[in-house]
Protein backbone atom coordinates (compact mmCIF):
# COMPACT_ATOMS: atom_id res chain seq x y z
CA MET A 1 0.34 0.15 0.00
CA PRO A 2 1.39 3.41 -0.87
CA ASP A 3 2.03 5.80 1.79
CA SER A 4 2.99 8.95 -0.18
CA LEU A 5 2.29 10.63 -3.33
CA HIS A 6 5.55 9.24 -4.83
CA ASP A 7 4.71 6.35 -4.25
CA LEU A 8 1.11 5.82 -5.68
CA THR A 9 2.61 7.00 -8.69
CA ALA A 10 5.26 4.38 -8.75
CA THR A 11 2.65 2.12 -8.08
CA ILE A 12 0.82 3.15 -11.00
CA CYS A 13 3.52 3.17 -13.53
CA LYS A 14 4.04 -0.36 -12.36
CA PHE A 15 0.75 -1.62 -12.59
CA ALA A 16 1.01 0.32 -16.05
CA ASP A 17 4.13 -1.04 -17.72
CA GLU A 18 3.06 -4.43 -16.46
CA ARG A 19 0.10 -4.22 -18.69
CA ASP A 20 1.90 -2.25 -21.55
CA TRP A 21 -0.75 0.83 -21.44
CA GLU A 22 1.54 3.40 -21.44
CA GLN A 23 0.59 3.62 -25.35
CA PHE A 24 -2.51 4.60 -24.06
CA HIS A 25 -2.23 6.71 -21.71
CA SER A 26 -1.49 10.17 -23.10
CA PRO A 27 -2.73 13.64 -21.29
CA LYS A 28 -5.84 13.66 -23.97
CA ASN A 29 -6.60 10.01 -22.87
CA LEU A 30 -5.81 10.41 -19.23
CA SER A 31 -8.04 13.81 -18.65
CA MET A 32 -11.01 12.38 -20.55
CA ALA A 33 -10.75 9.14 -17.82
CA LEU A 34 -10.66 11.46 -15.58
CA ILE A 35 -13.82 12.97 -16.09
CA VAL A 36 -15.69 9.97 -16.78
CA GLU A 37 -14.77 8.82 -13.44
CA ALA A 38 -15.67 12.10 -11.55
CA GLY A 39 -18.56 11.64 -13.31
CA GLU A 40 -19.18 8.58 -11.55
CA LEU A 41 -18.49 9.61 -8.41
CA VAL A 42 -21.49 12.15 -8.80
CA GLU A 43 -23.84 9.36 -9.78
CA HIS A 44 -23.38 8.41 -6.14
CA PHE A 45 -24.35 11.75 -4.65
CA GLN A 46 -27.49 12.76 -7.41
CA TRP A 47 -30.49 13.21 -6.22
CA LEU A 48 -29.46 12.87 -1.96
CA SER A 49 -30.51 15.88 0.07
CA ARG A 50 -27.18 17.43 1.57
CA LYS A 51 -28.40 15.59 5.17
CA GLN A 52 -28.01 12.43 2.83
CA SER A 53 -24.97 13.09 1.49
CA ARG A 54 -23.16 13.59 4.42
CA GLU A 55 -24.49 10.56 6.41
CA LEU A 56 -23.31 7.43 3.70
CA ASP A 57 -23.93 3.97 4.81
CA ASP A 58 -20.68 1.43 4.78
CA GLU A 59 -21.74 0.19 1.32
CA GLN A 60 -21.77 4.04 -0.24
CA ARG A 61 -18.60 5.18 1.17
CA ARG A 62 -16.92 1.99 0.30
CA ASP A 63 -18.10 2.68 -3.27
CA VAL A 64 -18.21 6.44 -3.12
CA ALA A 65 -14.02 5.56 -2.06
CA LEU A 66 -13.65 3.36 -5.20
CA GLU A 67 -14.61 6.55 -7.21
CA MET A 68 -12.38 8.59 -5.27
CA ALA A 69 -9.29 6.44 -5.90
CA ASP A 70 -9.90 6.06 -9.87
CA VAL A 71 -10.01 9.91 -9.64
CA LEU A 72 -7.06 10.10 -7.79
CA ILE A 73 -5.12 7.60 -9.95
CA TYR A 74 -6.42 9.26 -12.82
CA LEU A 75 -4.73 12.63 -12.04
CA VAL A 76 -1.55 11.18 -10.83
CA ARG A 77 -0.81 9.35 -13.40
CA MET A 78 -1.73 12.06 -15.64
CA ALA A 79 0.51 14.36 -13.46
CA GLU A 80 3.26 12.00 -14.17
CA ARG A 81 3.24 12.05 -17.65
CA LEU A 82 3.45 16.08 -18.17
CA ASP A 83 5.87 15.87 -15.14
CA ILE A 84 3.61 17.86 -13.10
CA ASP A 85 4.57 18.18 -9.13
CA LEU A 86 0.46 18.14 -7.61
CA LEU A 87 1.56 18.99 -4.54
CA GLU A 88 3.74 21.77 -5.75
CA ALA A 89 0.93 22.62 -7.99
CA ALA A 90 -2.06 22.45 -4.98
CA GLY A 91 0.66 24.73 -3.05
CA LYS A 92 0.80 27.56 -5.75
CA LYS A 93 -3.20 27.14 -6.16
CA MET A 94 -3.77 27.66 -2.21
CA ALA A 95 -1.65 30.73 -2.36
CA LEU A 96 -3.48 32.08 -5.51
CA ASN A 97 -6.41 31.44 -3.78
CA ALA A 98 -5.81 32.92 -0.89
CA GLU A 99 -5.18 36.13 -2.59
CA LYS A 100 -8.48 35.75 -4.63
CA TYR A 101 -10.52 34.95 -1.58
CA PRO A 102 -9.05 36.40 1.21
CA ALA A 103 -10.96 35.47 4.69
CA ASP A 104 -12.53 38.70 5.29
CA ARG A 105 -14.21 38.99 2.12
CA SER A 106 -15.09 35.71 1.33
CA ARG A 107 -16.29 34.48 4.85
CA SER A 108 -19.33 32.94 4.57
CA ARG A 109 -19.93 33.59 0.78
CA ALA A 110 -20.26 31.19 -2.08
CA ASP A 111 -20.01 33.67 -5.19
CA LYS A 112 -17.23 33.74 -7.35
CA TYR A 113 -14.60 36.26 -6.20
CA THR A 114 -15.18 38.67 -9.00
CA ARG A 115 -18.50 39.25 -7.22
CA TYR A 116 -16.82 41.21 -4.50
CA GLN A 117 -13.45 42.66 -6.04
CA GLN A 118 -16.12 44.72 -6.77
CA ASP A 119 -17.42 45.63 -3.41
CA PRO A 120 -16.44 48.62 -1.50
């Protein structure tokens, strides 16, 4: 069981290599597979209320966890293929988000940052 993003990447690469799947793992194909898996994740929550979506039973949680794993696997594989450090990219994105969504202006607001950049 991998215990870091680096180990997970190595495990995914080995898995694909053993099956000669590298030929299919272009960024284009991986991005499409990623969105398919994200859609399958969303299906588990379709038609649930907010409350129901927070109170999954054990089977639902297991199924959701597996779909989340699929999303993560494709994302990690795509990052590997494009030589993108996901942790570095996430850190940079969080810094950008902090600038766009300052806590004092965005607290308890769900609207896009462009709405309150216009506020006095």
